[in-house]
Amino acid sequence: MAKDSAMTVYEFRSQFQAPVRFVFDWCTDYTPEDPVLEKDNYTRRILSRTSRKVVYEDLSDSPDGWMWSRQQVSLHPPNRWHAEAMGNHRTWSIDYELVERARGVTEMLFRGERRATFPGEKNPPKARLEGELRQSWKNFAKALERDYRAHQKSRKRNAR
């Protein structure tokens, strides 16, 4: 890691129309299909998974060459997880927390500390990256809520 690279803290909130337990399980079920849900173009490879830890790598092509990162995610059910990510362009330390709100809404609090690692590279402006992250999570929310509705329909069918 470059020693002169400044750390930037990024924070935002996202909401889901689903209960905490469903949101936690859905958000921490890392799969190679996640880039499609996010509407992004990277490749994800799951290296290991236990009930308390997931390790995966992401790889994408950029105008400056390959971008690679490895994430180690510690799961803290029912409502928190922590990710440490290292890569050739940045490192992240991210905390996710889910809070149950009224009327079946779950709010996710995202707080990440990011440091650029590529020589001379700086972190993206706070407002820009937070906006990109919010948009990614809006895409995830649409897929999550679609899956939750399907899950509810299936449960009703099976209860008959």
C-alpha atoms as a PDB file:
ATOM      1  CA  MET A   1       0.000   0.000   0.000  1.00  0.00           C
ATOM      2  CA  ALA A   2       1.312   3.444  -0.862  1.00  0.00           C
ATOM      3  CA  LYS A   3       2.120   5.250   2.383  1.00  0.00           C
ATOM      4  CA  ASP A   4       1.273   8.716   1.046  1.00  0.00           C
ATOM      5  CA  SER A   5      -2.189   7.702  -0.158  1.00  0.00           C
ATOM      6  CA  ALA A   6      -4.939   9.363   1.855  1.00  0.00           C
ATOM      7  CA  MET A   7      -7.855   7.444   3.278  1.00  0.00           C
ATOM      8  CA  THR A   8     -11.373   8.655   2.499  1.00  0.00           C
ATOM      9  CA  VAL A   9     -14.515   7.647   4.391  1.00  0.00           C
ATOM     10  CA  TYR A  10     -17.621   6.952   2.311  1.00  0.00           C
ATOM     11  CA  GLU A  11     -21.059   6.578   3.895  1.00  0.00           C
ATOM     12  CA  PHE A  12     -24.611   6.121   2.671  1.00  0.00           C
ATOM     13  CA  ARG A  13     -27.900   4.412   3.489  1.00  0.00           C
ATOM     14  CA  SER A  14     -30.029   2.133   1.366  1.00  0.00           C
ATOM     15  CA  GLN A  15     -33.524   0.772   1.993  1.00  0.00           C
ATOM     16  CA  PHE A  16     -35.159  -2.536   1.160  1.00  0.00           C
ATOM     17  CA  GLN A  17     -38.799  -3.612   1.318  1.00  0.00           C
ATOM     18  CA  ALA A  18     -37.999  -6.859   3.141  1.00  0.00           C
ATOM     19  CA  PRO A  19     -37.283  -8.012   6.718  1.00  0.00           C
ATOM     20  CA  VAL A  20     -33.785  -7.889   8.206  1.00  0.00           C
ATOM     21  CA  ARG A  21     -33.205 -11.657   8.115  1.00  0.00           C
ATOM     22  CA  PHE A  22     -34.058 -11.916   4.422  1.00  0.00           C
ATOM     23  CA  VAL A  23     -31.919  -8.854   3.587  1.00  0.00           C
ATOM     24  CA  PHE A  24     -28.946 -10.196   5.544  1.00  0.00           C
ATOM     25  CA  ASP A  25     -29.125 -13.635   3.905  1.00  0.00           C
ATOM     26  CA  TRP A  26     -29.584 -12.153   0.434  1.00  0.00           C
ATOM     27  CA  CYS A  27     -26.810  -9.541   0.755  1.00  0.00           C
ATOM     28  CA  THR A  28     -24.266 -11.998   2.118  1.00  0.00           C
ATOM     29  CA  ASP A  29     -24.980 -14.792  -0.376  1.00  0.00           C
ATOM     30  CA  TYR A  30     -22.080 -13.797  -2.609  1.00  0.00           C
ATOM     31  CA  THR A  31     -22.230 -15.433  -6.048  1.00  0.00           C
ATOM     32  CA  PRO A  32     -20.580 -15.105  -9.470  1.00  0.00           C
ATOM     33  CA  GLU A  33     -23.923 -13.661 -10.694  1.00  0.00           C
ATOM     34  CA  ASP A  34     -23.638 -10.544  -8.491  1.00  0.00           C
ATOM     35  CA  PRO A  35     -22.191  -8.364 -11.298  1.00  0.00           C
ATOM     36  CA  VAL A  36     -25.387  -8.920 -13.336  1.00  0.00           C
ATOM     37  CA  LEU A  37     -27.546  -7.840 -10.382  1.00  0.00           C
ATOM     38  CA  GLU A  38     -25.374  -4.778  -9.894  1.00  0.00           C
ATOM     39  CA  LYS A  39     -25.507  -4.029 -13.632  1.00  0.00           C
ATOM     40  CA  ASP A  40     -21.726  -3.956 -13.759  1.00  0.00           C
ATOM     41  CA  ASN A  41     -19.124  -5.759 -15.827  1.00  0.00           C
ATOM     42  CA  TYR A  42     -16.671  -7.648 -13.636  1.00  0.00           C
ATOM     43  CA  THR A  43     -15.983 -11.307 -12.940  1.00  0.00           C
ATOM     44  CA  ARG A  44     -16.423 -12.724  -9.437  1.00  0.00           C
ATOM     45  CA  ARG A  45     -14.797 -15.913  -8.195  1.00  0.00           C
ATOM     46  CA  ILE A  46     -15.762 -17.372  -4.811  1.00  0.00           C
ATOM     47  CA  LEU A  47     -12.642 -18.799  -3.130  1.00  0.00           C
ATOM     48  CA  SER A  48     -14.118 -20.046   0.142  1.00  0.00           C
ATOM     49  CA  ARG A  49     -17.297 -19.876   2.171  1.00  0.00           C
ATOM     50  CA  THR A  50     -18.221 -20.851   5.726  1.00  0.00           C
ATOM     51  CA  SER A  51     -21.124 -19.792   7.927  1.00  0.00           C
ATOM     52  CA  ARG A  52     -19.006 -16.897   9.267  1.00  0.00           C
ATOM     53  CA  LYS A  53     -16.640 -15.983   6.435  1.00  0.00           C
ATOM     54  CA  VAL A  54     -16.637 -15.535   2.653  1.00  0.00           C
ATOM     55  CA  VAL A  55     -13.549 -14.888   0.528  1.00  0.00           C
ATOM     56  CA  TYR A  56     -13.892 -13.873  -3.106  1.00  0.00           C
ATOM     57  CA  GLU A  57     -12.042 -12.080  -5.878  1.00  0.00           C
ATOM     58  CA  ASP A  58     -13.313  -9.605  -8.448  1.00  0.00           C
ATOM     59  CA  LEU A  59     -11.578  -8.865 -11.729  1.00  0.00           C
ATOM     60  CA  SER A  60     -12.487  -6.222 -14.300  1.00  0.00           C
ATOM     61  CA  ASP A  61     -10.950  -4.585 -17.326  1.00  0.00           C
ATOM     62  CA  SER A  62     -10.433  -0.817 -17.251  1.00  0.00           C
ATOM     63  CA  PRO A  63      -8.814   1.743 -19.552  1.00  0.00           C
ATOM     64  CA  ASP A  64      -5.746   1.520 -17.280  1.00  0.00           C
ATOM     65  CA  GLY A  65      -5.575  -2.301 -17.320  1.00  0.00           C
ATOM     66  CA  TRP A  66      -6.928  -4.997 -15.061  1.00  0.00           C
ATOM     67  CA  MET A  67      -8.488  -4.122 -11.713  1.00  0.00           C
ATOM     68  CA  TRP A  68      -8.279  -6.948  -9.193  1.00  0.00           C
ATOM     69  CA  SER A  69      -9.422  -7.174  -5.596  1.00  0.00           C
ATOM     70  CA  ARG A  70      -9.817  -9.843  -2.926  1.00  0.00           C
ATOM     71  CA  GLN A  71     -12.496  -9.448  -0.262  1.00  0.00           C
ATOM     72  CA  GLN A  72     -12.582 -11.222   3.078  1.00  0.00           C
ATOM     73  CA  VAL A  73     -16.055 -10.858   4.560  1.00  0.00           C
ATOM     74  CA  SER A  74     -16.799 -11.619   8.208  1.00  0.00           C
ATOM     75  CA  LEU A  75     -20.478 -12.389   8.777  1.00  0.00           C
ATOM     76  CA  HIS A  76     -22.156 -11.325  12.031  1.00  0.00           C
ATOM     77  CA  PRO A  77     -25.777 -12.493  11.792  1.00  0.00           C
ATOM     78  CA  PRO A  78     -28.433 -11.371  11.992  1.00  0.00           C
ATOM     79  CA  ASN A  79     -27.663  -7.803  10.946  1.00  0.00           C
ATOM     80  CA  ARG A  80     -23.969  -6.988  10.382  1.00  0.00           C
ATOM     81  CA  TRP A  81     -21.018  -7.915   8.233  1.00  0.00           C
ATOM     82  CA  HIS A  82     -17.538  -6.509   7.704  1.00  0.00           C
ATOM     83  CA  ALA A  83     -15.373  -6.644   4.582  1.00  0.00           C
ATOM     84  CA  GLU A  84     -11.648  -6.115   4.193  1.00  0.00           C
ATOM     85  CA  ALA A  85     -10.677  -5.721   0.553  1.00  0.00           C
ATOM     86  CA  MET A  86      -7.262  -5.362  -0.979  1.00  0.00           C
ATOM     87  CA  GLY A  87      -6.540  -4.819  -4.619  1.00  0.00           C
ATOM     88  CA  ASN A  88      -4.143  -3.403  -7.146  1.00  0.00           C
ATOM     89  CA  HIS A  89      -5.956  -0.012  -7.207  1.00  0.00           C
ATOM     90  CA  ARG A  90      -7.442   0.378  -3.714  1.00  0.00           C
ATOM     91  CA  THR A  91      -8.066  -1.124  -0.297  1.00  0.00           C
ATOM     92  CA  TRP A  92     -11.364  -0.978   1.575  1.00  0.00           C
ATOM     93  CA  SER A  93     -12.506  -1.613   5.124  1.00  0.00           C
ATOM     94  CA  ILE A  94     -16.309  -1.682   5.075  1.00  0.00           C
ATOM     95  CA  ASP A  95     -18.933  -2.082   7.769  1.00  0.00           C
ATOM     96  CA  TYR A  96     -22.523  -2.931   6.851  1.00  0.00           C
ATOM     97  CA  GLU A  97     -25.326  -2.771   9.390  1.00  0.00           C
ATOM     98  CA  LEU A  98     -29.014  -3.520   8.910  1.00  0.00           C
ATOM     99  CA  VAL A  99     -31.665  -1.722  10.952  1.00  0.00           C
ATOM    100  CA  GLU A 100     -35.324  -2.712  10.982  1.00  0.00           C
ATOM    101  CA  ARG A 101     -37.621   0.223  10.276  1.00  0.00           C
ATOM    102  CA  ALA A 102     -41.411   0.531  10.217  1.00  0.00           C
ATOM    103  CA  ARG A 103     -43.689  -1.344   7.783  1.00  0.00           C
ATOM    104  CA  GLY A 104     -41.269  -4.105   6.804  1.00  0.00           C
ATOM    105  CA  VAL A 105     -38.488  -1.784   5.663  1.00  0.00           C
ATOM    106  CA  THR A 106     -34.861  -2.611   6.383  1.00  0.00           C
ATOM    107  CA  GLU A 107     -32.250   0.106   6.175  1.00  0.00           C
ATOM    108  CA  MET A 108     -28.631  -0.695   5.403  1.00  0.00           C
ATOM    109  CA  LEU A 109     -25.923   1.595   6.747  1.00  0.00           C
ATOM    110  CA  PHE A 110     -22.702   1.484   4.718  1.00  0.00           C
ATOM    111  CA  ARG A 111     -19.473   2.949   6.079  1.00  0.00           C
ATOM    112  CA  GLY A 112     -16.293   2.309   4.153  1.00  0.00           C
ATOM    113  CA  GLU A 113     -12.745   3.563   4.467  1.00  0.00           C
ATOM    114  CA  ARG A 114     -10.969   3.527   1.111  1.00  0.00           C
ATOM    115  CA  ARG A 115      -7.338   4.086   0.254  1.00  0.00           C
ATOM    116  CA  ALA A 116      -5.963   4.217  -3.280  1.00  0.00           C
ATOM    117  CA  THR A 117      -2.985   1.884  -3.680  1.00  0.00           C
ATOM    118  CA  PHE A 118      -1.856   2.546  -7.252  1.00  0.00           C
ATOM    119  CA  PRO A 119       1.145   4.959  -7.229  1.00  0.00           C
ATOM    120  CA  GLY A 120      -0.031   8.539  -7.623  1.00  0.00           C
ATOM    121  CA  GLU A 121      -3.704   7.581  -7.708  1.00  0.00           C
ATOM    122  CA  LYS A 122      -6.211   9.400  -5.507  1.00  0.00           C
ATOM    123  CA  ASN A 123      -9.573   8.317  -4.162  1.00  0.00           C
ATOM    124  CA  PRO A 124     -12.563   9.396  -6.234  1.00  0.00           C
ATOM    125  CA  PRO A 125     -14.428  12.476  -4.996  1.00  0.00           C
ATOM    126  CA  LYS A 126     -16.668  11.566  -2.064  1.00  0.00           C
ATOM    127  CA  ALA A 127     -19.952  12.671  -3.677  1.00  0.00           C
ATOM    128  CA  ARG A 128     -19.210  10.850  -6.943  1.00  0.00           C
ATOM    129  CA  LEU A 129     -18.269   7.492  -5.423  1.00  0.00           C
ATOM    130  CA  GLU A 130     -21.085   7.602  -2.872  1.00  0.00           C
ATOM    131  CA  GLY A 131     -23.477   8.240  -5.775  1.00  0.00           C
ATOM    132  CA  GLU A 132     -22.080   5.268  -7.717  1.00  0.00           C
ATOM    133  CA  LEU A 133     -22.335   3.036  -4.651  1.00  0.00           C
ATOM    134  CA  ARG A 134     -25.916   4.193  -3.994  1.00  0.00           C
ATOM    135  CA  GLN A 135     -26.835   3.347  -7.588  1.00  0.00           C
ATOM    136  CA  SER A 136     -25.291  -0.122  -7.310  1.00  0.00           C
ATOM    137  CA  TRP A 137     -27.290  -0.753  -4.141  1.00  0.00           C
ATOM    138  CA  LYS A 138     -30.474   0.536  -5.814  1.00  0.00           C
ATOM    139  CA  ASN A 139     -29.896  -2.118  -8.471  1.00  0.00           C
ATOM    140  CA  PHE A 140     -29.331  -4.726  -5.765  1.00  0.00           C
ATOM    141  CA  ALA A 141     -32.496  -3.539  -3.963  1.00  0.00           C
ATOM    142  CA  LYS A 142     -34.633  -4.127  -7.062  1.00  0.00           C
ATOM    143  CA  ALA A 143     -33.348  -7.698  -7.373  1.00  0.00           C
ATOM    144  CA  LEU A 144     -33.609  -8.333  -3.619  1.00  0.00           C
ATOM    145  CA  GLU A 145     -37.201  -7.074  -3.452  1.00  0.00           C
ATOM    146  CA  ARG A 146     -38.155  -9.120  -6.528  1.00  0.00           C
ATOM    147  CA  ASP A 147     -36.683 -12.218  -4.857  1.00  0.00           C
ATOM    148  CA  TYR A 148     -38.486 -11.416  -1.602  1.00  0.00           C
ATOM    149  CA  ARG A 149     -41.859 -11.112  -3.373  1.00  0.00           C
ATOM    150  CA  ALA A 150     -41.234 -14.464  -5.089  1.00  0.00           C
ATOM    151  CA  HIS A 151     -40.263 -15.985  -1.731  1.00  0.00           C
ATOM    152  CA  GLN A 152     -43.503 -14.694  -0.157  1.00  0.00           C
ATOM    153  CA  LYS A 153     -45.606 -16.104  -3.006  1.00  0.00           C
ATOM    154  CA  SER A 154     -43.874 -19.462  -2.675  1.00  0.00           C
ATOM    155  CA  ARG A 155     -44.494 -19.554   1.077  1.00  0.00           C
ATOM    156  CA  LYS A 156     -48.196 -18.788   0.558  1.00  0.00           C
ATOM    157  CA  ARG A 157     -48.477 -21.532  -2.067  1.00  0.00           C
ATOM    158  CA  ASN A 158     -46.750 -24.053   0.195  1.00  0.00           C
ATOM    159  CA  ALA A 159     -48.962 -23.107   3.177  1.00  0.00           C
ATOM    160  CA  ARG A 160     -52.120 -24.201   1.334  1.00  0.00           C
END
